[in-house]
Amino acid sequence: QVVAKMKDLGAQEAIYVAGDMGKPEDCERTIQTASDKLGGLDYIILNHWGSSHKRGKFPKVWDADPDMDFLTDYTNINYLSHVRLASLALPMLKKSQGNITVVTGLLGKVPNPTFTFYTGAKFALDGFFSSLRCEMKPHNVSITLAVLGSVDTEGLRGAIQYFMKTVAQPQDTAKVIIEGATLRKREIYHPSYTRATCILRAIAPSIVEK
């Protein structure tokens, strides 16, 4: 269905690979398929999240249910698999002088007291890929961090019981991500309040945390 939709929107070709990003072999198969079918990569956009474990309703404080099995699985899917995919793609991206875009979030910049596992993974993405950006400069591979706020998706609705009025629409968000990747921006912020919140946190962290 995704491939059909992409072709309806004008794509000359689209390929899908079904896989579990928590499994190293599926990550490898995904990148190998890109190499075999596309002949290389110019961009890779890392935009997946989730868990194989059920944690119940959240938000809730970590101390109420310090489930390490859940955290291990969540970190594997939401952090390590991003690193794995990017690492597998790097030889092709270095050849094309391409771009890695990592879809992270405001909670990868600003602590949140009821999404500790999510925030931890997002902070880890920021730290790793910001450091990798420095290493990739000699190879002219750009790395873009997409710092997003709440986006109106089914995943968000299923995760939290309340809804922010400042929620972004998926179509607008996708356009911002694609623009940031093609223009090789260092970071992009969407909606606009995400940048303001990050600036405020840098100036007055104790106020933001409170």
N, C-alpha and C. Protein backbone atom coordinates (compact mmCIF):
# COMPACT_ATOMS: atom_id res chain seq x y z
N GLN A 1 0.82 -1.21 0.00
CA GLN A 1 0.00 0.00 0.00
C GLN A 1 0.86 1.26 0.00
N VAL A 2 1.96 1.24 0.74
CA VAL A 2 2.86 2.40 0.77
C VAL A 2 3.49 2.61 -0.60
N VAL A 3 3.94 1.52 -1.23
CA VAL A 3 4.55 1.63 -2.55
C VAL A 3 3.55 2.18 -3.56
N ALA A 4 2.31 1.68 -3.52
CA ALA A 4 1.28 2.17 -4.44
C ALA A 4 1.02 3.65 -4.23
N LYS A 5 0.97 4.07 -2.97
CA LYS A 5 0.73 5.48 -2.66
C LYS A 5 1.88 6.34 -3.18
N MET A 6 3.11 5.88 -3.01
CA MET A 6 4.26 6.65 -3.47
C MET A 6 4.24 6.80 -5.00
N LYS A 7 3.87 5.74 -5.69
CA LYS A 7 3.81 5.83 -7.15
C LYS A 7 2.67 6.74 -7.61
N ASP A 8 1.56 6.72 -6.86
CA ASP A 8 0.47 7.64 -7.17
C ASP A 8 0.91 9.09 -7.02
N LEU A 9 1.83 9.33 -6.09
CA LEU A 9 2.32 10.68 -5.84
C LEU A 9 3.44 11.08 -6.80
N GLY A 10 3.85 10.14 -7.67
CA GLY A 10 4.82 10.51 -8.70
C GLY A 10 6.16 9.82 -8.65
N ALA A 11 6.36 8.92 -7.69
CA ALA A 11 7.64 8.22 -7.63
C ALA A 11 7.79 7.30 -8.84
N GLN A 12 8.96 7.32 -9.47
CA GLN A 12 9.20 6.44 -10.61
C GLN A 12 9.35 5.00 -10.16
N GLU A 13 9.92 4.83 -8.97
CA GLU A 13 10.10 3.48 -8.43
C GLU A 13 10.09 3.55 -6.91
N ALA A 14 9.56 2.54 -6.28
CA ALA A 14 9.57 2.45 -4.82
C ALA A 14 9.69 0.99 -4.42
N ILE A 15 10.47 0.73 -3.40
CA ILE A 15 10.72 -0.64 -2.95
C ILE A 15 10.49 -0.69 -1.44
N TYR A 16 9.90 -1.76 -0.96
CA TYR A 16 9.75 -1.91 0.48
C TYR A 16 10.45 -3.18 0.95
N VAL A 17 10.87 -3.14 2.18
CA VAL A 17 11.46 -4.30 2.84
C VAL A 17 10.75 -4.46 4.17
N ALA A 18 10.13 -5.61 4.40
CA ALA A 18 9.48 -5.86 5.68
C ALA A 18 10.51 -6.44 6.65
N GLY A 19 10.57 -5.86 7.84
CA GLY A 19 11.55 -6.36 8.79
C GLY A 19 11.35 -5.78 10.17
N ASP A 20 12.01 -6.39 11.12
CA ASP A 20 12.00 -5.96 12.52
C ASP A 20 13.33 -5.29 12.80
N MET A 21 13.30 -3.97 13.05
CA MET A 21 14.55 -3.24 13.24
C MET A 21 15.24 -3.59 14.55
N GLY A 22 14.60 -4.39 15.38
CA GLY A 22 15.24 -4.89 16.58
C GLY A 22 16.15 -6.08 16.30
N LYS A 23 16.09 -6.60 15.08
CA LYS A 23 16.90 -7.76 14.70
C LYS A 23 18.03 -7.31 13.77
N PRO A 24 19.29 -7.55 14.17
CA PRO A 24 20.42 -7.13 13.33
C PRO A 24 20.34 -7.66 11.91
N GLU A 25 19.88 -8.91 11.74
CA GLU A 25 19.83 -9.49 10.40
C GLU A 25 18.83 -8.76 9.50
N ASP A 26 17.76 -8.22 10.08
CA ASP A 26 16.79 -7.48 9.28
C ASP A 26 17.33 -6.10 8.90
N CYS A 27 18.10 -5.50 9.80
CA CYS A 27 18.77 -4.24 9.46
C CYS A 27 19.74 -4.45 8.30
N GLU A 28 20.51 -5.52 8.37
CA GLU A 28 21.47 -5.84 7.32
C GLU A 28 20.76 -6.09 5.99
N ARG A 29 19.65 -6.82 6.04
CA ARG A 29 18.90 -7.13 4.82
C ARG A 29 18.32 -5.86 4.20
N THR A 30 17.89 -4.94 5.04
CA THR A 30 17.32 -3.68 4.54
C THR A 30 18.36 -2.89 3.75
N ILE A 31 19.54 -2.73 4.32
CA ILE A 31 20.59 -1.96 3.65
C ILE A 31 21.12 -2.70 2.43
N GLN A 32 21.21 -4.03 2.52
CA GLN A 32 21.67 -4.81 1.38
C GLN A 32 20.69 -4.71 0.22
N THR A 33 19.39 -4.67 0.53
CA THR A 33 18.38 -4.51 -0.51
C THR A 33 18.53 -3.16 -1.21
N ALA A 34 18.80 -2.12 -0.43
CA ALA A 34 19.03 -0.80 -1.03
C ALA A 34 20.22 -0.84 -1.97
N SER A 35 21.27 -1.53 -1.56
CA SER A 35 22.46 -1.65 -2.41
C SER A 35 22.16 -2.43 -3.68
N ASP A 36 21.45 -3.54 -3.53
CA ASP A 36 21.18 -4.41 -4.68
C ASP A 36 20.17 -3.79 -5.64
N LYS A 37 19.10 -3.19 -5.10
CA LYS A 37 18.01 -2.70 -5.94
C LYS A 37 18.23 -1.28 -6.44
N LEU A 38 18.89 -0.45 -5.62
CA LEU A 38 19.06 0.95 -5.97
C LEU A 38 20.46 1.28 -6.45
N GLY A 39 21.39 0.37 -6.19
CA GLY A 39 22.77 0.60 -6.63
C GLY A 39 23.55 1.55 -5.74
N GLY A 40 23.00 1.86 -4.57
CA GLY A 40 23.67 2.78 -3.66
C GLY A 40 22.66 3.60 -2.89
N LEU A 41 23.16 4.53 -2.09
CA LEU A 41 22.29 5.40 -1.31
C LEU A 41 22.79 6.84 -1.35
N ASP A 42 21.87 7.76 -1.50
CA ASP A 42 22.18 9.18 -1.36
C ASP A 42 21.71 9.71 -0.01
N TYR A 43 20.60 9.15 0.47
CA TYR A 43 20.03 9.57 1.75
C TYR A 43 19.56 8.35 2.51
N ILE A 44 19.65 8.40 3.82
CA ILE A 44 18.95 7.45 4.67
C ILE A 44 18.27 8.24 5.78
N ILE A 45 16.97 8.05 5.90
CA ILE A 45 16.19 8.73 6.94
C ILE A 45 15.77 7.70 7.97
N LEU A 46 16.27 7.85 9.18
CA LEU A 46 16.01 6.91 10.26
C LEU A 46 14.82 7.42 11.07
N ASN A 47 13.70 6.74 10.91
CA ASN A 47 12.45 7.24 11.50
C ASN A 47 11.58 6.07 11.95
N HIS A 48 12.10 5.27 12.85
CA HIS A 48 11.30 4.17 13.39
C HIS A 48 11.43 4.15 14.91
N TRP A 49 10.41 3.66 15.57
CA TRP A 49 10.46 3.56 17.02
C TRP A 49 9.43 2.53 17.46
N GLY A 50 9.55 2.09 18.70
CA GLY A 50 8.60 1.13 19.22
C GLY A 50 9.28 0.17 20.18
N SER A 51 8.58 -0.88 20.54
CA SER A 51 9.13 -1.90 21.42
C SER A 51 8.40 -3.21 21.21
N SER A 52 9.11 -4.30 21.41
CA SER A 52 8.50 -5.63 21.34
C SER A 52 7.84 -6.01 22.66
N HIS A 53 8.10 -5.21 23.70
CA HIS A 53 7.56 -5.49 25.03
C HIS A 53 6.40 -4.56 25.33
N LYS A 54 5.45 -5.05 26.08
CA LYS A 54 4.34 -4.23 26.53
C LYS A 54 4.67 -3.63 27.89
N ARG A 55 4.48 -2.34 28.01
CA ARG A 55 4.81 -1.67 29.27
C ARG A 55 3.56 -1.13 29.96
N GLY A 56 2.44 -1.24 29.34
CA GLY A 56 1.22 -0.69 29.96
C GLY A 56 1.07 0.78 29.62
N LYS A 57 0.19 1.43 30.31
CA LYS A 57 -0.09 2.83 30.02
C LYS A 57 1.02 3.73 30.52
N PHE A 58 1.33 4.73 29.77
CA PHE A 58 2.25 5.77 30.21
C PHE A 58 1.72 7.08 29.65
N PRO A 59 2.08 8.24 30.16
CA PRO A 59 3.27 8.50 30.96
C PRO A 59 3.16 8.06 32.42
N LYS A 60 4.29 7.63 32.94
CA LYS A 60 4.40 7.37 34.37
C LYS A 60 5.87 7.41 34.74
N VAL A 61 6.13 7.67 36.03
CA VAL A 61 7.52 7.82 36.45
C VAL A 61 8.22 6.47 36.41
N TRP A 62 9.52 6.51 36.11
CA TRP A 62 10.30 5.28 35.96
C TRP A 62 10.29 4.45 37.24
N ASP A 63 10.38 5.11 38.38
CA ASP A 63 10.46 4.41 39.66
C ASP A 63 9.21 3.57 39.95
N ALA A 64 8.10 3.90 39.31
CA ALA A 64 6.87 3.14 39.52
C ALA A 64 6.94 1.76 38.89
N ASP A 65 7.79 1.61 37.87
CA ASP A 65 7.90 0.33 37.17
C ASP A 65 9.24 0.26 36.43
N PRO A 66 10.35 0.06 37.15
CA PRO A 66 11.67 0.04 36.52
C PRO A 66 11.93 -1.28 35.79
N ASP A 67 11.31 -1.41 34.64
CA ASP A 67 11.35 -2.65 33.86
C ASP A 67 12.59 -2.65 32.96
N MET A 68 13.63 -3.36 33.38
CA MET A 68 14.88 -3.36 32.63
C MET A 68 14.79 -4.15 31.34
N ASP A 69 13.96 -5.19 31.30
CA ASP A 69 13.77 -5.94 30.05
C ASP A 69 13.16 -5.04 28.99
N PHE A 70 12.17 -4.26 29.40
CA PHE A 70 11.56 -3.31 28.47
C PHE A 70 12.59 -2.29 28.00
N LEU A 71 13.37 -1.75 28.94
CA LEU A 71 14.35 -0.71 28.59
C LEU A 71 15.40 -1.25 27.63
N THR A 72 15.84 -2.49 27.85
CA THR A 72 16.84 -3.10 26.97
C THR A 72 16.29 -3.23 25.55
N ASP A 73 15.07 -3.73 25.43
CA ASP A 73 14.45 -3.88 24.12
C ASP A 73 14.21 -2.52 23.47
N TYR A 74 13.72 -1.56 24.25
CA TYR A 74 13.43 -0.23 23.72
C TYR A 74 14.71 0.45 23.22
N THR A 75 15.78 0.33 23.99
CA THR A 75 17.05 0.94 23.60
C THR A 75 17.60 0.30 22.33
N ASN A 76 17.43 -1.01 22.22
CA ASN A 76 17.90 -1.72 21.02
C ASN A 76 17.20 -1.22 19.76
N ILE A 77 15.88 -1.05 19.85
CA ILE A 77 15.11 -0.64 18.67
C ILE A 77 15.24 0.85 18.39
N ASN A 78 15.24 1.65 19.45
CA ASN A 78 15.14 3.10 19.27
C ASN A 78 16.48 3.83 19.30
N TYR A 79 17.55 3.10 19.58
CA TYR A 79 18.88 3.70 19.53
C TYR A 79 19.87 2.83 18.74
N LEU A 80 20.11 1.62 19.23
CA LEU A 80 21.15 0.79 18.61
C LEU A 80 20.84 0.46 17.16
N SER A 81 19.57 0.22 16.82
CA SER A 81 19.26 -0.12 15.43
C SER A 81 19.49 1.06 14.50
N HIS A 82 19.30 2.29 15.00
CA HIS A 82 19.62 3.48 14.19
C HIS A 82 21.12 3.53 13.90
N VAL A 83 21.91 3.25 14.92
CA VAL A 83 23.36 3.24 14.76
C VAL A 83 23.76 2.12 13.80
N ARG A 84 23.13 0.97 13.94
CA ARG A 84 23.46 -0.18 13.08
C ARG A 84 23.14 0.13 11.62
N LEU A 85 21.96 0.65 11.35
CA LEU A 85 21.56 0.98 9.98
C LEU A 85 22.50 2.01 9.36
N ALA A 86 22.81 3.05 10.12
CA ALA A 86 23.69 4.10 9.61
C ALA A 86 25.09 3.54 9.33
N SER A 87 25.57 2.69 10.22
CA SER A 87 26.91 2.11 10.06
C SER A 87 26.97 1.24 8.81
N LEU A 88 25.92 0.47 8.58
CA LEU A 88 25.88 -0.38 7.38
C LEU A 88 25.80 0.45 6.11
N ALA A 89 25.14 1.60 6.21
CA ALA A 89 24.95 2.45 5.02
C ALA A 89 26.13 3.37 4.74
N LEU A 90 27.00 3.56 5.71
CA LEU A 90 28.08 4.55 5.57
C LEU A 90 28.98 4.34 4.35
N PRO A 91 29.38 3.11 4.01
CA PRO A 91 30.22 2.97 2.81
C PRO A 91 29.58 3.55 1.56
N MET A 92 28.27 3.34 1.39
CA MET A 92 27.57 3.88 0.23
C MET A 92 27.41 5.39 0.34
N LEU A 93 27.14 5.88 1.54
CA LEU A 93 26.95 7.31 1.73
C LEU A 93 28.26 8.08 1.56
N LYS A 94 29.36 7.49 1.97
CA LYS A 94 30.66 8.12 1.76
C LYS A 94 30.98 8.21 0.27
N LYS A 95 30.58 7.20 -0.46
CA LYS A 95 30.81 7.20 -1.91
C LYS A 95 29.98 8.27 -2.60
N SER A 96 28.74 8.45 -2.15
CA SER A 96 27.84 9.43 -2.77
C SER A 96 27.92 10.80 -2.13
N GLN A 97 28.69 10.89 -1.01
CA GLN A 97 28.72 12.12 -0.21
C GLN A 97 27.28 12.52 0.16
N GLY A 98 26.61 11.56 0.75
CA GLY A 98 25.19 11.70 1.01
C GLY A 98 24.85 12.25 2.38
N ASN A 99 23.65 11.89 2.83
CA ASN A 99 23.10 12.48 4.06
C ASN A 99 22.44 11.40 4.91
N ILE A 100 22.65 11.51 6.22
CA ILE A 100 21.92 10.72 7.21
C ILE A 100 20.99 11.68 7.95
N THR A 101 19.72 11.39 7.93
CA THR A 101 18.77 12.19 8.70
C THR A 101 18.19 11.32 9.81
N VAL A 102 18.32 11.80 11.02
CA VAL A 102 17.84 11.07 12.20
C VAL A 102 16.65 11.81 12.76
N VAL A 103 15.50 11.16 12.77
CA VAL A 103 14.30 11.77 13.33
C VAL A 103 14.32 11.53 14.83
N THR A 104 14.61 12.57 15.56
CA THR A 104 14.64 12.51 17.02
C THR A 104 13.49 13.37 17.53
N GLY A 105 13.64 14.03 18.64
CA GLY A 105 12.52 14.79 19.16
C GLY A 105 12.94 15.81 20.20
N LEU A 106 11.98 16.61 20.58
CA LEU A 106 12.25 17.61 21.61
C LEU A 106 12.76 16.96 22.89
N LEU A 107 12.29 15.75 23.18
CA LEU A 107 12.72 15.06 24.39
C LEU A 107 14.12 14.46 24.25
N GLY A 108 14.75 14.67 23.11
CA GLY A 108 16.16 14.36 22.97
C GLY A 108 17.04 15.56 23.28
N LYS A 109 16.39 16.66 23.61
CA LYS A 109 17.08 17.89 23.98
C LYS A 109 16.69 18.38 25.38
N VAL A 110 15.46 18.05 25.77
CA VAL A 110 14.90 18.55 27.02
C VAL A 110 14.41 17.36 27.86
N PRO A 111 14.86 17.22 29.10
CA PRO A 111 14.41 16.11 29.94
C PRO A 111 12.92 16.14 30.19
N ASN A 112 12.35 14.96 30.37
CA ASN A 112 10.93 14.85 30.67
C ASN A 112 10.73 13.81 31.76
N PRO A 113 10.00 14.13 32.81
CA PRO A 113 9.94 13.25 33.97
C PRO A 113 9.09 12.00 33.83
N THR A 114 8.31 11.87 32.79
CA THR A 114 7.44 10.70 32.68
C THR A 114 7.70 9.85 31.43
N PHE A 115 8.73 10.19 30.68
CA PHE A 115 9.12 9.41 29.51
C PHE A 115 10.63 9.14 29.56
N THR A 116 11.10 8.64 30.70
CA THR A 116 12.54 8.48 30.90
C THR A 116 13.17 7.57 29.85
N PHE A 117 12.52 6.48 29.52
CA PHE A 117 13.08 5.53 28.55
C PHE A 117 13.15 6.15 27.16
N TYR A 118 12.11 6.88 26.78
CA TYR A 118 12.06 7.55 25.48
C TYR A 118 13.11 8.66 25.41
N THR A 119 13.17 9.46 26.47
CA THR A 119 14.12 10.57 26.52
C THR A 119 15.55 10.06 26.49
N GLY A 120 15.83 8.97 27.21
CA GLY A 120 17.17 8.40 27.22
C GLY A 120 17.62 7.98 25.84
N ALA A 121 16.74 7.33 25.09
CA ALA A 121 17.08 6.89 23.73
C ALA A 121 17.31 8.07 22.81
N LYS A 122 16.47 9.11 22.94
CA LYS A 122 16.60 10.28 22.07
C LYS A 122 17.86 11.08 22.38
N PHE A 123 18.20 11.21 23.66
CA PHE A 123 19.45 11.87 24.01
C PHE A 123 20.64 11.09 23.45
N ALA A 124 20.56 9.77 23.50
CA ALA A 124 21.64 8.93 22.97
C ALA A 124 21.82 9.14 21.46
N LEU A 125 20.70 9.24 20.74
CA LEU A 125 20.78 9.51 19.30
C LEU A 125 21.47 10.83 19.03
N ASP A 126 21.11 11.85 19.78
CA ASP A 126 21.72 13.18 19.61
C ASP A 126 23.23 13.09 19.85
N GLY A 127 23.62 12.45 20.94
CA GLY A 127 25.04 12.37 21.26
C GLY A 127 25.84 11.60 20.23
N PHE A 128 25.32 10.46 19.80
CA PHE A 128 26.06 9.63 18.84
C PHE A 128 26.17 10.31 17.49
N PHE A 129 25.03 10.75 16.96
CA PHE A 129 25.05 11.27 15.59
C PHE A 129 25.66 12.67 15.50
N SER A 130 25.60 13.44 16.57
CA SER A 130 26.31 14.72 16.57
C SER A 130 27.81 14.50 16.56
N SER A 131 28.26 13.46 17.26
CA SER A 131 29.68 13.11 17.25
C SER A 131 30.09 12.52 15.90
N LEU A 132 29.22 11.68 15.34
CA LEU A 132 29.50 11.10 14.03
C LEU A 132 29.59 12.18 12.96
N ARG A 133 28.79 13.23 13.11
CA ARG A 133 28.84 14.34 12.16
C ARG A 133 30.26 14.92 12.07
N CYS A 134 30.90 15.06 13.22
CA CYS A 134 32.27 15.57 13.23
C CYS A 134 33.22 14.63 12.49
N GLU A 135 33.03 13.33 12.68
CA GLU A 135 33.90 12.35 12.05
C GLU A 135 33.68 12.27 10.54
N MET A 136 32.46 12.60 10.10
CA MET A 136 32.13 12.45 8.69
C MET A 136 32.44 13.70 7.85
N LYS A 137 32.83 14.78 8.50
CA LYS A 137 33.12 16.01 7.75
C LYS A 137 34.18 15.80 6.66
N PRO A 138 35.27 15.08 6.93
CA PRO A 138 36.26 14.87 5.87
C PRO A 138 35.71 14.09 4.67
N HIS A 139 34.64 13.34 4.90
CA HIS A 139 34.04 12.54 3.83
C HIS A 139 32.85 13.24 3.19
N ASN A 140 32.53 14.44 3.67
CA ASN A 140 31.41 15.23 3.14
C ASN A 140 30.08 14.48 3.23
N VAL A 141 29.90 13.72 4.30
CA VAL A 141 28.60 13.10 4.60
C VAL A 141 27.93 13.98 5.65
N SER A 142 26.80 14.55 5.31
CA SER A 142 26.11 15.43 6.25
C SER A 142 25.16 14.62 7.13
N ILE A 143 24.94 15.10 8.34
CA ILE A 143 24.02 14.45 9.27
C ILE A 143 23.04 15.50 9.79
N THR A 144 21.77 15.23 9.60
CA THR A 144 20.71 16.13 9.99
C THR A 144 19.92 15.51 11.14
N LEU A 145 19.75 16.27 12.21
CA LEU A 145 18.88 15.84 13.31
C LEU A 145 17.55 16.57 13.19
N ALA A 146 16.48 15.82 13.08
CA ALA A 146 15.14 16.41 13.01
C ALA A 146 14.55 16.40 14.41
N VAL A 147 14.53 17.57 15.03
CA VAL A 147 14.03 17.70 16.40
C VAL A 147 12.54 18.04 16.32
N LEU A 148 11.72 17.04 16.57
CA LEU A 148 10.28 17.20 16.39
C LEU A 148 9.55 17.32 17.72
N GLY A 149 8.46 18.04 17.69
CA GLY A 149 7.53 18.05 18.81
C GLY A 149 6.49 16.97 18.58
N SER A 150 5.33 17.13 19.15
CA SER A 150 4.25 16.14 18.98
C SER A 150 3.70 16.20 17.56
N VAL A 151 3.56 15.03 16.94
CA VAL A 151 3.02 14.93 15.59
C VAL A 151 1.75 14.10 15.64
N ASP A 152 0.75 14.52 14.91
CA ASP A 152 -0.57 13.89 14.95
C ASP A 152 -0.54 12.54 14.22
N THR A 153 -0.10 11.52 14.92
CA THR A 153 -0.04 10.16 14.37
C THR A 153 -0.78 9.20 15.29
N GLU A 154 -1.10 8.03 14.76
CA GLU A 154 -1.78 7.02 15.57
C GLU A 154 -0.90 6.56 16.72
N GLY A 155 0.42 6.53 16.49
CA GLY A 155 1.33 6.12 17.55
C GLY A 155 1.27 7.05 18.75
N LEU A 156 1.18 8.35 18.48
CA LEU A 156 1.09 9.32 19.56
C LEU A 156 -0.23 9.18 20.30
N ARG A 157 -1.31 9.02 19.54
CA ARG A 157 -2.61 8.90 20.18
C ARG A 157 -2.69 7.66 21.05
N GLY A 158 -2.02 6.61 20.63
CA GLY A 158 -2.04 5.38 21.42
C GLY A 158 -1.15 5.45 22.64
N ALA A 159 -0.20 6.38 22.64
CA ALA A 159 0.77 6.44 23.73
C ALA A 159 0.33 7.34 24.86
N ILE A 160 -0.38 8.40 24.55
CA ILE A 160 -0.75 9.34 25.60
C ILE A 160 -2.24 9.63 25.54
N GLN A 161 -2.78 9.99 26.66
CA GLN A 161 -4.22 10.19 26.77
C GLN A 161 -4.63 11.63 26.50
N TYR A 162 -3.67 12.54 26.57
CA TYR A 162 -3.99 13.95 26.31
C TYR A 162 -3.39 14.35 24.97
N PHE A 163 -3.86 15.46 24.44
CA PHE A 163 -3.40 15.90 23.11
C PHE A 163 -3.09 17.38 23.15
N MET A 164 -1.92 17.76 22.66
CA MET A 164 -1.51 19.15 22.69
C MET A 164 -2.12 19.92 21.53
N LYS A 165 -2.48 21.15 21.77
CA LYS A 165 -3.01 22.00 20.70
C LYS A 165 -1.92 22.35 19.69
N THR A 166 -0.66 22.22 20.12
CA THR A 166 0.45 22.59 19.24
C THR A 166 0.93 21.41 18.41
N VAL A 167 0.15 20.36 18.32
CA VAL A 167 0.55 19.17 17.59
C VAL A 167 0.74 19.50 16.10
N ALA A 168 1.77 18.89 15.49
CA ALA A 168 2.06 19.13 14.07
C ALA A 168 1.36 18.09 13.21
N GLN A 169 1.10 18.46 11.97
CA GLN A 169 0.48 17.53 11.03
C GLN A 169 1.54 16.70 10.31
N PRO A 170 1.26 15.42 10.05
CA PRO A 170 2.27 14.55 9.43
C PRO A 170 2.78 15.05 8.08
N GLN A 171 1.86 15.57 7.25
CA GLN A 171 2.27 16.02 5.91
C GLN A 171 3.27 17.16 6.00
N ASP A 172 3.00 18.13 6.86
CA ASP A 172 3.91 19.27 7.03
C ASP A 172 5.24 18.81 7.60
N THR A 173 5.16 17.88 8.54
CA THR A 173 6.38 17.37 9.18
C THR A 173 7.26 16.65 8.16
N ALA A 174 6.65 15.83 7.32
CA ALA A 174 7.42 15.11 6.30
C ALA A 174 8.13 16.07 5.35
N LYS A 175 7.46 17.14 4.97
CA LYS A 175 8.07 18.13 4.07
C LYS A 175 9.27 18.80 4.72
N VAL A 176 9.14 19.11 6.02
CA VAL A 176 10.24 19.75 6.74
C VAL A 176 11.44 18.80 6.83
N ILE A 177 11.19 17.52 7.07
CA ILE A 177 12.27 16.54 7.17
C ILE A 177 12.99 16.40 5.83
N ILE A 178 12.23 16.28 4.75
CA ILE A 178 12.83 16.12 3.42
C ILE A 178 13.63 17.36 3.04
N GLU A 179 13.08 18.53 3.35
CA GLU A 179 13.80 19.77 3.05
C GLU A 179 15.11 19.84 3.83
N GLY A 180 15.06 19.49 5.10
CA GLY A 180 16.27 19.51 5.92
C GLY A 180 17.35 18.57 5.40
N ALA A 181 16.92 17.39 4.94
CA ALA A 181 17.88 16.42 4.41
C ALA A 181 18.51 16.92 3.10
N THR A 182 17.67 17.40 2.19
CA THR A 182 18.18 17.81 0.88
C THR A 182 19.06 19.06 0.97
N LEU A 183 18.77 19.93 1.94
CA LEU A 183 19.58 21.14 2.13
C LEU A 183 20.75 20.89 3.08
N ARG A 184 20.87 19.65 3.56
CA ARG A 184 21.99 19.23 4.40
C ARG A 184 22.11 20.10 5.66
N LYS A 185 20.95 20.37 6.25
CA LYS A 185 20.95 21.18 7.46
C LYS A 185 21.49 20.37 8.64
N ARG A 186 22.08 21.08 9.58
CA ARG A 186 22.63 20.43 10.77
C ARG A 186 21.50 19.94 11.67
N GLU A 187 20.55 20.79 11.96
CA GLU A 187 19.38 20.44 12.75
C GLU A 187 18.17 21.17 12.20
N ILE A 188 17.02 20.53 12.31
CA ILE A 188 15.77 21.19 11.96
C ILE A 188 14.81 21.04 13.14
N TYR A 189 13.98 22.04 13.34
CA TYR A 189 13.05 22.07 14.47
C TYR A 189 11.63 22.26 13.95
N HIS A 190 10.72 21.39 14.41
CA HIS A 190 9.33 21.48 13.95
C HIS A 190 8.42 20.85 15.00
N PRO A 191 7.35 21.55 15.38
CA PRO A 191 6.97 22.93 15.09
C PRO A 191 7.94 23.93 15.73
N SER A 192 7.66 25.20 15.54
CA SER A 192 8.61 26.24 15.93
C SER A 192 8.87 26.28 17.44
N TYR A 193 7.90 25.84 18.25
CA TYR A 193 8.12 25.91 19.70
C TYR A 193 9.26 25.01 20.16
N THR A 194 9.63 24.01 19.35
CA THR A 194 10.71 23.11 19.76
C THR A 194 12.04 23.87 19.87
N ARG A 195 12.32 24.74 18.92
CA ARG A 195 13.55 25.52 18.98
C ARG A 195 13.54 26.46 20.18
N ALA A 196 12.41 27.12 20.40
CA ALA A 196 12.30 28.05 21.52
C ALA A 196 12.51 27.33 22.85
N THR A 197 11.95 26.13 22.97
CA THR A 197 12.10 25.37 24.20
C THR A 197 13.55 24.97 24.43
N CYS A 198 14.24 24.58 23.36
CA CYS A 198 15.66 24.21 23.48
C CYS A 198 16.51 25.40 23.90
N ILE A 199 16.22 26.57 23.33
CA ILE A 199 16.96 27.79 23.71
C ILE A 199 16.70 28.12 25.18
N LEU A 200 15.45 28.01 25.60
CA LEU A 200 15.10 28.30 26.99
C LEU A 200 15.80 27.32 27.93
N ARG A 201 15.88 26.07 27.54
CA ARG A 201 16.54 25.08 28.39
C ARG A 201 18.03 25.39 28.55
N ALA A 202 18.66 25.88 27.46
CA ALA A 202 20.07 26.24 27.53
C ALA A 202 20.31 27.43 28.45
N ILE A 203 19.35 28.35 28.46
CA ILE A 203 19.49 29.58 29.28
C ILE A 203 19.08 29.33 30.73
N ALA A 204 17.98 28.62 30.90
CA ALA A 204 17.42 28.43 32.26
C ALA A 204 16.96 26.98 32.43
N PRO A 205 17.89 26.06 32.53
CA PRO A 205 17.51 24.63 32.60
C PRO A 205 16.64 24.28 33.80
N SER A 206 16.89 24.89 34.94
CA SER A 206 16.12 24.54 36.14
C SER A 206 14.66 24.94 35.99
N ILE A 207 14.41 26.03 35.31
CA ILE A 207 13.03 26.48 35.08
C ILE A 207 12.30 25.50 34.17
N VAL A 208 12.97 25.09 33.09
CA VAL A 208 12.35 24.16 32.14
C VAL A 208 12.08 22.81 32.82
N GLU A 209 13.03 22.34 33.60
CA GLU A 209 12.85 21.06 34.27
C GLU A 209 11.71 21.13 35.29
N LYS A 210 11.57 22.28 35.95
CA LYS A 210 10.48 22.44 36.91
C LYS A 210 9.13 22.44 36.22
